[in-house]
Each structure stands twice: as C-alpha cells, then as structure tokens.
Amino acid sequence: MRPLVLVALLALATLCLAGPAGAKPSGAESGKGAAFVSRQEGSEVAKRLRRYLDRGLGAPGPYPDPLESRREVCELNPDCDELADHIGFQEAYGRFYGTA
C-alpha cells in the first residue's frame, strides 16, 4: 500500500512541476513590457510602502511623538535635562519653559 501511494504522489508531483511542454503565454503575458508596470502604478506602490513601513523592516512604524521637539529642547539645556531625570520630562519642561 505504501509503495503505491508513494508512486502516485511522485507521479502527481512530476506532472505538476513539468506542466504542459508546449504551452505559450496568454495574451496578457505575451507583451514585451509584461514584466514592468507603468510609472504611475510603481510610484503608488512605493508611496504606500513608505507610508506604512519603517525603514523596510516590514512592520508599521510608530507614530511620531508630538513632544519630541520639546524633549530635544529640554535635553539641550543641562539643568532641564538633569531635572527631567529626577522628576520627569513634562514636569521639568514646564518648570523651565512653561506648560508642556
């Protein structure tokens, strides 16, 4: 029973991999530019990928932090940076520059 099943699976795999020997591509595939897309379609795909992926890692990128610019300002001031280490960024920024 096992050899019969094995032979049948091998025959099926051979037929699937070989395919029809004299097959010609269909009309949609036979054009000389079939491997290429138009510039407009290509740019749409590129825009979509840039929008949803972070540096090509395949995962969606995080949303930008709205407080990042204020955090950088606080980091440039040594006193604010030191205070932020002790009481937190938002509180330190509020004490030095007003409300965050």
Protein backbone atom coordinates (compact mmCIF):
# COMPACT_ATOMS: atom_id res chain seq x y z
CA MET A 1 0.00 0.00 0.00
CA ARG A 2 2.80 2.45 0.89
CA PRO A 3 4.75 2.00 -2.35
CA LEU A 4 1.57 2.54 -4.37
CA VAL A 5 0.79 5.81 -2.56
CA LEU A 6 4.41 6.94 -2.88
CA VAL A 7 4.45 6.25 -6.64
CA ALA A 8 1.13 8.06 -7.08
CA LEU A 9 2.42 11.14 -5.19
CA LEU A 10 5.65 11.18 -7.17
CA ALA A 11 3.73 10.94 -10.45
CA LEU A 12 1.45 13.79 -9.38
CA ALA A 13 4.42 15.94 -8.35
CA THR A 14 6.13 15.26 -11.68
CA LEU A 15 3.03 16.31 -13.62
CA CYS A 16 2.63 19.49 -11.57
CA LEU A 17 6.26 20.53 -11.92
CA ALA A 18 6.59 19.70 -15.61
CA GLY A 19 3.39 21.39 -16.77
CA PRO A 20 2.37 21.41 -20.40
CA ALA A 21 5.52 21.30 -22.54
CA GLY A 22 4.30 23.37 -25.50
CA ALA A 23 2.34 25.98 -23.56
CA LYS A 24 2.57 29.57 -24.74
CA PRO A 25 1.86 32.60 -22.56
CA SER A 26 -1.59 34.11 -22.72
CA GLY A 27 -2.24 37.45 -24.40
CA ALA A 28 -1.80 39.45 -21.17
CA GLU A 29 1.61 37.94 -20.52
CA SER A 30 2.96 37.96 -24.07
CA GLY A 31 3.65 41.71 -24.42
CA LYS A 32 7.26 42.84 -24.36
CA GLY A 33 6.59 45.05 -21.31
CA ALA A 34 4.78 42.35 -19.33
CA ALA A 35 7.46 42.27 -16.64
CA PHE A 36 7.17 46.02 -15.98
CA VAL A 37 4.49 48.28 -14.58
CA SER A 38 3.72 51.85 -15.51
CA ARG A 39 5.45 54.68 -13.67
CA GLN A 40 2.21 55.75 -12.04
CA GLU A 41 1.50 52.26 -10.66
CA GLY A 42 5.08 51.92 -9.44
CA SER A 43 5.03 55.25 -7.63
CA GLU A 44 1.72 54.40 -5.97
CA VAL A 45 3.18 51.16 -4.62
CA ALA A 46 6.34 52.95 -3.45
CA LYS A 47 4.30 55.64 -1.69
CA ARG A 48 2.16 53.04 0.01
CA LEU A 49 5.21 51.13 1.27
CA ARG A 50 6.96 54.25 2.52
CA ARG A 51 3.88 55.37 4.36
CA TYR A 52 3.27 52.14 6.26
CA LEU A 53 6.72 50.67 6.78
CA ASP A 54 9.54 51.86 8.98
CA ARG A 55 12.89 51.61 7.16
CA GLY A 56 11.85 48.47 5.30
CA LEU A 57 11.63 46.29 8.39
CA GLY A 58 8.22 45.03 7.40
CA ALA A 59 6.46 46.32 10.47
CA PRO A 60 4.45 49.51 10.69
CA GLY A 61 6.44 52.40 12.05
CA PRO A 62 5.50 54.13 15.27
CA TYR A 63 3.64 57.40 15.12
CA PRO A 64 5.86 60.44 15.69
CA ASP A 65 5.87 61.71 19.25
CA PRO A 66 4.29 65.17 19.44
CA LEU A 67 6.52 66.05 22.41
CA GLU A 68 9.77 65.05 20.69
CA SER A 69 10.76 68.60 19.74
CA ARG A 70 10.19 69.79 23.31
CA ARG A 71 12.12 66.83 24.66
CA GLU A 72 15.08 67.79 22.46
CA VAL A 73 14.95 71.40 23.71
CA CYS A 74 14.99 70.15 27.29
CA GLU A 75 17.89 67.80 26.55
CA LEU A 76 20.00 70.67 25.20
CA ASN A 77 19.65 72.56 28.48
CA PRO A 78 21.80 70.69 31.07
CA ASP A 79 19.71 71.93 34.00
CA CYS A 80 16.42 70.88 32.40
CA ASP A 81 17.92 67.54 31.38
CA GLU A 82 19.13 66.84 34.92
CA LEU A 83 15.78 67.81 36.41
CA ALA A 84 13.98 65.62 33.84
CA ASP A 85 15.98 62.63 35.09
CA HIS A 86 14.61 63.22 38.58
CA ILE A 87 11.01 64.40 38.11
CA GLY A 88 10.18 63.53 34.51
CA PHE A 89 10.36 65.37 31.22
CA GLN A 90 6.98 67.10 31.20
CA GLU A 91 7.35 68.48 34.70
CA ALA A 92 10.91 69.67 34.05
CA TYR A 93 9.95 71.32 30.76
CA GLY A 94 7.04 73.03 32.49
CA ARG A 95 9.31 74.48 35.17
CA PHE A 96 11.86 75.83 32.68
CA TYR A 97 9.77 76.82 29.65
CA GLY A 98 6.15 76.94 30.76
CA THR A 99 3.39 74.40 30.18
CA ALA A 100 4.23 71.39 28.02
